[in-house]
Protein backbone atom coordinates (compact mmCIF):
# COMPACT_ATOMS: atom_id res chain seq x y z
CA UNK A 1 -47.13 -24.84 9.92
CA UNK A 2 -46.05 -21.89 7.81
CA UNK A 3 -44.08 -22.01 4.62
CA UNK A 4 -42.04 -19.52 2.69
CA UNK A 5 -40.41 -19.52 -0.72
CA UNK A 6 -36.89 -18.42 -1.50
CA UNK A 7 -36.23 -18.17 -5.21
CA UNK A 8 -32.90 -19.25 -6.66
CA UNK A 9 -32.20 -16.51 -9.21
CA UNK A 10 -35.54 -17.08 -10.84
CA UNK A 11 -39.14 -16.00 -10.75
CA UNK A 12 -41.38 -13.79 -12.83
CA UNK A 13 -42.08 -10.52 -11.08
CA UNK A 14 -44.14 -9.19 -13.95
CA UNK A 15 -43.13 -6.16 -15.88
CA UNK A 16 -43.67 -4.08 -18.94
CA UNK A 17 -41.90 -3.67 -22.24
CA UNK A 18 -38.58 -2.63 -20.77
CA UNK A 19 -36.88 -0.78 -17.94
CA UNK A 20 -38.05 2.62 -16.86
CA UNK A 21 -41.16 4.60 -17.72
CA UNK A 22 -42.38 5.03 -21.26
CA UNK A 23 -41.42 8.66 -21.90
CA UNK A 24 -42.58 10.36 -25.06
CA UNK A 25 -40.28 12.11 -27.52
CA UNK A 26 -42.15 15.41 -27.61
CA UNK A 27 -44.16 15.03 -30.81
CA UNK A 28 -47.12 17.03 -29.51
CA UNK A 29 -47.30 20.83 -29.72
CA UNK A 30 -45.50 21.71 -26.53
CA UNK A 31 -44.86 20.14 -23.17
CA UNK A 32 -48.29 21.02 -21.73
CA UNK A 33 -50.10 19.11 -24.50
CA UNK A 34 -47.73 16.14 -24.06
CA UNK A 35 -48.22 16.09 -20.30
CA UNK A 36 -51.99 16.05 -20.68
CA UNK A 37 -51.78 13.26 -23.25
CA UNK A 38 -49.63 11.25 -20.86
CA UNK A 39 -52.13 11.86 -18.06
CA UNK A 40 -54.93 10.65 -20.31
CA UNK A 41 -52.88 7.58 -21.13
CA UNK A 42 -52.51 6.87 -17.43
CA UNK A 43 -56.27 7.13 -17.03
CA UNK A 44 -56.70 4.67 -19.90
CA UNK A 45 -54.28 2.15 -18.44
CA UNK A 46 -55.87 2.40 -15.01
CA UNK A 47 -59.32 1.88 -16.47
CA UNK A 48 -58.27 -1.33 -18.22
CA UNK A 49 -56.56 -3.03 -15.26
CA UNK A 50 -58.15 -6.20 -13.94
CA UNK A 51 -60.74 -8.48 -15.44
CA UNK A 52 -63.65 -6.92 -13.55
CA UNK A 53 -63.41 -3.76 -15.65
CA UNK A 54 -62.77 -5.53 -18.95
CA UNK A 55 -66.31 -4.96 -20.24
CA UNK A 56 -65.88 -1.18 -19.93
CA UNK A 57 -62.94 -1.01 -22.33
CA UNK A 58 -63.78 -0.45 -25.99
CA UNK A 59 -61.26 -1.77 -28.48
CA UNK A 60 -59.83 0.60 -31.12
CA UNK A 61 -60.98 0.43 -34.72
CA UNK A 62 -59.33 -2.32 -36.76
CA UNK A 63 -58.48 -1.01 -40.23
CA UNK A 64 -56.29 -3.04 -42.51
CA UNK A 65 -52.86 -2.33 -41.12
CA UNK A 66 -49.61 -2.30 -43.06
CA UNK A 67 -46.89 -2.55 -40.43
CA UNK A 68 -44.34 0.06 -41.43
CA UNK A 69 -42.09 2.26 -39.38
CA UNK A 70 -43.39 5.68 -38.42
CA UNK A 71 -42.00 8.84 -39.90
CA UNK A 72 -39.03 10.27 -37.98
CA UNK A 73 -40.08 12.62 -35.17
CA UNK A 74 -38.05 15.26 -33.39
CA UNK A 75 -36.92 14.84 -29.82
CA UNK A 76 -36.41 17.66 -27.30
CA UNK A 77 -33.10 18.61 -28.94
CA UNK A 78 -34.61 18.73 -32.41
CA UNK A 79 -32.84 15.60 -33.64
CA UNK A 80 -34.88 13.22 -35.76
CA UNK A 81 -35.53 9.82 -34.23
CA UNK A 82 -37.41 7.07 -36.01
CA UNK A 83 -39.88 5.01 -34.01
CA UNK A 84 -39.99 1.49 -35.46
CA UNK A 85 -43.18 -0.54 -35.64
CA UNK A 86 -43.48 -3.56 -33.34
CA UNK A 87 -42.15 -6.90 -34.54
CA UNK A 88 -44.39 -9.82 -33.58
CA UNK A 89 -42.92 -13.17 -32.55
CA UNK A 90 -46.21 -15.12 -32.59
CA UNK A 91 -48.84 -15.78 -35.24
CA UNK A 92 -52.21 -14.01 -35.26
CA UNK A 93 -54.28 -17.18 -34.91
CA UNK A 94 -53.69 -20.17 -32.63
CA UNK A 95 -52.47 -23.48 -34.00
CA UNK A 96 -55.36 -25.73 -32.96
CA UNK A 97 -54.41 -29.41 -32.69
CA UNK A 98 -56.84 -32.23 -33.41
CA UNK A 99 -59.28 -32.60 -30.53
CA UNK A 100 -58.61 -29.06 -29.32
CA UNK A 101 -60.68 -25.86 -29.46
CA UNK A 102 -59.70 -22.20 -29.62
CA UNK A 103 -59.93 -19.92 -26.60
CA UNK A 104 -60.24 -16.33 -27.79
CA UNK A 105 -58.30 -13.41 -26.36
CA UNK A 106 -60.31 -11.14 -24.08
CA UNK A 107 -60.70 -8.52 -26.81
CA UNK A 108 -62.37 -11.11 -29.07
CA UNK A 109 -64.32 -12.98 -26.37
CA UNK A 110 -68.04 -12.33 -26.05
CA UNK A 111 -67.77 -11.88 -22.28
CA UNK A 112 -64.53 -9.86 -22.61
CA UNK A 113 -62.67 -11.93 -20.06
CA UNK A 114 -59.47 -13.91 -20.29
CA UNK A 115 -55.94 -13.18 -21.47
CA UNK A 116 -54.72 -10.84 -24.20
CA UNK A 117 -53.27 -13.89 -25.96
CA UNK A 118 -55.32 -16.53 -27.76
CA UNK A 119 -54.65 -20.24 -27.28
CA UNK A 120 -56.17 -23.69 -27.67
CA UNK A 121 -57.18 -26.32 -25.11
CA UNK A 122 -58.68 -29.81 -25.37
CA UNK A 123 -62.31 -29.99 -26.38
CA UNK A 124 -64.50 -30.43 -23.35
CA UNK A 125 -62.49 -28.07 -21.19
CA UNK A 126 -64.77 -25.27 -19.98
CA UNK A 127 -63.44 -21.92 -18.80
CA UNK A 128 -64.72 -21.48 -15.27
CA UNK A 129 -62.62 -18.58 -14.09
CA UNK A 130 -60.39 -15.84 -15.50
CA UNK A 131 -58.46 -12.95 -14.04
CA UNK A 132 -55.76 -10.51 -15.04
CA UNK A 133 -53.55 -7.89 -13.47
CA UNK A 134 -51.02 -5.34 -14.61
CA UNK A 135 -50.65 -1.93 -16.18
CA UNK A 136 -53.27 -2.44 -18.86
CA UNK A 137 -50.59 -2.86 -21.51
CA UNK A 138 -51.62 -6.15 -23.17
CA UNK A 139 -48.21 -7.80 -23.39
CA UNK A 140 -47.30 -6.68 -19.87
CA UNK A 141 -50.39 -8.04 -18.10
CA UNK A 142 -50.46 -11.31 -16.21
CA UNK A 143 -53.46 -13.59 -16.66
CA UNK A 144 -54.94 -16.70 -15.07
CA UNK A 145 -57.37 -19.04 -16.82
CA UNK A 146 -58.90 -21.94 -14.91
CA UNK A 147 -60.53 -24.75 -16.86
CA UNK A 148 -62.90 -27.47 -15.70
CA UNK A 149 -61.94 -30.68 -17.48
CA UNK A 150 -64.83 -32.71 -16.06
CA UNK A 151 -62.40 -34.64 -13.86
CA UNK A 152 -60.77 -31.67 -12.19
CA UNK A 153 -59.20 -28.28 -12.80
CA UNK A 154 -56.28 -27.17 -14.91
CA UNK A 155 -54.86 -23.69 -14.48
CA UNK A 156 -53.11 -21.83 -17.31
CA UNK A 157 -51.22 -18.70 -16.29
CA UNK A 158 -49.25 -16.09 -18.21
CA UNK A 159 -46.52 -14.33 -16.21
CA UNK A 160 -44.76 -11.50 -18.11
CA UNK A 161 -41.00 -11.18 -17.75
CA UNK A 162 -39.09 -8.14 -16.57
CA UNK A 163 -36.08 -7.22 -18.70
CA UNK A 164 -32.96 -5.14 -18.28
CA UNK A 165 -31.82 -2.59 -20.86
CA UNK A 166 -30.01 -5.28 -22.86
CA UNK A 167 -33.12 -7.46 -23.05
CA UNK A 168 -32.01 -10.02 -20.47
CA UNK A 169 -34.66 -11.59 -18.24
CA UNK A 170 -34.47 -10.55 -14.59
CA UNK A 171 -35.35 -12.44 -11.43
CA UNK A 172 -37.54 -11.15 -8.58
CA UNK A 173 -34.73 -9.17 -6.96
CA UNK A 174 -33.49 -7.67 -10.21
CA UNK A 175 -30.74 -10.27 -10.62
CA UNK A 176 -30.14 -12.09 -13.93
CA UNK A 177 -32.60 -14.96 -14.29
CA UNK A 178 -30.98 -18.41 -14.52
CA UNK A 179 -33.53 -21.09 -13.66
CA UNK A 180 -37.14 -21.91 -12.82
CA UNK A 181 -35.90 -23.83 -9.76
CA UNK A 182 -36.59 -22.44 -6.30
CA UNK A 183 -36.01 -23.27 -2.65
CA UNK A 184 -38.68 -23.49 0.02
CA UNK A 185 -38.72 -23.57 3.79
CA UNK A 186 -41.42 -24.28 6.37
CA UNK A 187 -41.67 -23.98 10.13
CA UNK A 188 -43.71 -26.21 12.41
CA UNK A 189 -43.66 -28.11 15.68
CA UNK A 190 -40.72 -30.17 14.46
CA UNK A 191 -38.74 -27.09 13.49
CA UNK A 192 -37.65 -25.83 10.08
CA UNK A 193 -37.84 -27.90 6.93
CA UNK A 194 -36.28 -26.94 3.64
CA UNK A 195 -36.22 -28.23 0.10
CA UNK A 196 -35.58 -27.35 -3.52
CA UNK A 197 -38.11 -27.62 -6.33
CA UNK A 198 -36.44 -28.48 -9.61
CA UNK A 199 -37.89 -27.99 -13.08
CA UNK A 200 -36.57 -30.60 -15.50
CA UNK A 201 -36.40 -30.11 -19.26
CA UNK A 202 -38.83 -32.47 -20.94
CA UNK A 203 -38.92 -31.31 -24.53
CA UNK A 204 -39.10 -28.52 -27.09
CA UNK A 205 -42.23 -26.87 -28.45
CA UNK A 206 -42.39 -25.44 -31.97
CA UNK A 207 -44.18 -22.11 -31.78
CA UNK A 208 -44.17 -19.81 -34.82
CA UNK A 209 -40.43 -19.46 -35.53
CA UNK A 210 -39.40 -20.33 -31.98
CA UNK A 211 -38.08 -23.47 -30.35
CA UNK A 212 -39.47 -23.17 -26.83
CA UNK A 213 -38.08 -25.27 -24.00
CA UNK A 214 -40.66 -27.06 -21.85
CA UNK A 215 -39.93 -27.75 -18.16
CA UNK A 216 -41.83 -29.64 -15.47
CA UNK A 217 -41.78 -29.95 -11.69
CA UNK A 218 -43.78 -33.14 -10.95
CA UNK A 219 -45.69 -33.19 -7.69
CA UNK A 220 -44.08 -36.52 -6.72
CA UNK A 221 -40.73 -34.74 -6.61
CA UNK A 222 -41.72 -33.30 -3.24
CA UNK A 223 -45.30 -34.25 -2.26
CA UNK A 224 -44.81 -32.72 1.19
CA UNK A 225 -44.59 -29.28 -0.35
CA UNK A 226 -46.10 -29.55 -3.84
CA UNK A 227 -49.83 -30.08 -4.26
CA UNK A 228 -49.77 -30.17 -8.07
CA UNK A 229 -47.59 -30.82 -11.09
CA UNK A 230 -46.46 -27.67 -12.89
CA UNK A 231 -45.15 -27.09 -16.40
CA UNK A 232 -43.38 -23.89 -17.48
CA UNK A 233 -42.17 -22.47 -20.79
CA UNK A 234 -40.83 -19.03 -21.69
CA UNK A 235 -42.26 -17.59 -24.91
CA UNK A 236 -41.07 -14.53 -26.82
CA UNK A 237 -44.03 -12.32 -27.72
CA UNK A 238 -42.70 -9.33 -29.62
CA UNK A 239 -40.07 -6.66 -29.92
CA UNK A 240 -41.49 -3.24 -29.05
CA UNK A 241 -40.10 0.30 -29.25
CA UNK A 242 -38.82 1.46 -25.87
CA UNK A 243 -38.90 5.22 -25.48
CA UNK A 244 -36.45 5.13 -22.57
CA UNK A 245 -33.88 3.47 -24.86
CA UNK A 246 -33.94 5.89 -27.80
CA UNK A 247 -36.80 3.99 -29.45
CA UNK A 248 -34.80 0.78 -29.80
CA UNK A 249 -36.86 -2.38 -30.19
CA UNK A 250 -36.92 -4.24 -26.88
CA UNK A 251 -38.07 -7.83 -26.33
CA UNK A 252 -41.26 -8.74 -24.49
CA UNK A 253 -41.74 -12.30 -23.27
CA UNK A 254 -43.95 -14.26 -20.92
CA UNK A 255 -43.84 -17.55 -19.04
CA UNK A 256 -46.82 -19.86 -19.55
CA UNK A 257 -47.49 -21.98 -16.47
CA UNK A 258 -49.79 -25.01 -16.62
CA UNK A 259 -50.76 -26.56 -13.28
CA UNK A 260 -52.86 -29.64 -12.49
CA UNK A 261 -53.44 -32.25 -9.79
CA UNK A 262 -52.24 -35.54 -11.30
CA UNK A 263 -54.59 -37.52 -9.04
CA UNK A 264 -57.60 -35.79 -10.57
CA UNK A 265 -56.59 -34.94 -14.14
CA UNK A 266 -54.57 -36.99 -16.59
CA UNK A 267 -52.60 -34.40 -18.54
CA UNK A 268 -49.88 -35.74 -20.81
CA UNK A 269 -46.90 -33.88 -22.18
CA UNK A 270 -48.41 -34.07 -25.67
CA UNK A 271 -51.42 -32.06 -24.48
CA UNK A 272 -49.23 -29.56 -22.65
CA UNK A 273 -47.09 -29.18 -25.76
CA UNK A 274 -50.21 -28.52 -27.87
CA UNK A 275 -51.40 -25.82 -25.45
CA UNK A 276 -48.03 -24.04 -25.37
CA UNK A 277 -47.65 -24.38 -29.13
CA UNK A 278 -51.01 -22.73 -29.76
CA UNK A 279 -50.24 -19.30 -28.26
CA UNK A 280 -51.01 -16.40 -30.60
CA UNK A 281 -51.31 -12.62 -30.58
CA UNK A 282 -54.59 -11.82 -32.36
CA UNK A 283 -55.34 -8.72 -34.39
CA UNK A 284 -57.31 -7.03 -31.62
CA UNK A 285 -54.39 -7.32 -29.19
CA UNK A 286 -51.93 -6.04 -31.77
CA UNK A 287 -54.23 -3.10 -32.49
CA UNK A 288 -54.35 -2.21 -28.82
CA UNK A 289 -50.57 -2.43 -28.40
CA UNK A 290 -50.05 -0.22 -31.45
CA UNK A 291 -52.83 2.13 -30.34
CA UNK A 292 -51.28 2.68 -26.93
CA UNK A 293 -47.88 3.33 -28.49
CA UNK A 294 -49.36 5.77 -31.02
CA UNK A 295 -51.27 7.56 -28.27
CA UNK A 296 -48.05 7.99 -26.29
CA UNK A 297 -45.89 9.37 -29.11
CA UNK A 298 -48.56 11.03 -31.24
CA UNK A 299 -47.32 9.37 -34.43
CA UNK A 300 -48.68 6.83 -36.93
CA UNK A 301 -46.77 3.59 -36.28
CA UNK A 302 -48.53 1.17 -38.60
CA UNK A 303 -48.97 3.20 -41.77
CA UNK A 304 -52.78 3.32 -41.70
CA UNK A 305 -52.84 7.12 -41.85
CA UNK A 306 -54.42 7.48 -38.40
CA UNK A 307 -52.90 8.21 -34.99
CA UNK A 308 -54.83 6.41 -32.26
CA UNK A 309 -56.21 8.72 -29.59
CA UNK A 310 -57.58 8.23 -26.10
CA UNK A 311 -61.04 8.64 -27.60
CA UNK A 312 -60.39 5.71 -29.96
CA UNK A 313 -59.34 3.42 -27.14
CA UNK A 314 -62.16 4.47 -24.81
CA UNK A 315 -64.91 4.76 -27.39
CA UNK A 316 -65.08 8.56 -27.34
CA UNK A 317 -65.89 8.81 -23.64
CA UNK A 318 -63.19 11.43 -22.95
CA UNK A 319 -62.78 14.94 -24.40
CA UNK A 320 -59.95 15.39 -26.87
CA UNK A 321 -56.68 17.02 -25.87
CA UNK A 322 -57.63 20.05 -28.00
CA UNK A 323 -60.91 20.40 -26.06
CA UNK A 324 -59.06 20.16 -22.75
CA UNK A 325 -56.61 22.86 -23.87
CA UNK A 326 -59.39 24.97 -25.42
CA UNK A 327 -57.68 24.88 -28.81
CA UNK A 328 -59.44 24.90 -32.18
């Protein structure tokens, strides 16, 4: 028997900080310098994709950062455009409930694996597997964390949203997102079978300044198709400058998905709520987001007096742009 999924104006196809490529307002000395900087940025992003290469990526320095807007820079027509600093929608440290423990972001973890977000899980849960995929931009990467509870496994996934120019969440075909629900169909000896998986609202999670809706699709809703119970919640992460939209701040969000087999693991809504409510963007992740933005535009975004370079993000393993161009 084979099965296929047909989404109903939903889904999380992944994505970045907004529509279109991140194009720099030419703040470098000439188009050739900017093109080489962009090429170096591409090399950086490629080198940081996937969990297998996580140990090779060196995080940027972490000075005390005062988050202020960058000085206005000139675009190709000479007009001044101000690049605003990111606005964060989550706290820097997870809210750890009683009986829970913190799970560090990959940039703080000793083994450099995991997600770019920090969170908390019940004590006794051991991380047995972690993976990530995406462009290398921290808030645009997907991540999967699998925990051994002693009785069975619980999977925590982060699926970044794709947005249109107005900041509306899009579905897998580029249509406006409306629901987590989806349809399925399968084909076997008895012919085609179809069904709809529905995610019901079960509560609200307080997370930083957000009221996050929590939804669940219990396995018993359709045990013929579902092998596990799944919770989902959409969380706003930040508002980031989008260079394709005249440097306007553009929302970035992700869907946290928590999956478990109810026959093996007893996972109550209180525990799920505590996991979702613990999500945080730590300093090291913020530094990397800001560093990648600074590297792209060549301007100081956070007011620390330093513009992050490729060398900062890769630990000095690459020659500088001046060395590549042969400039003093």
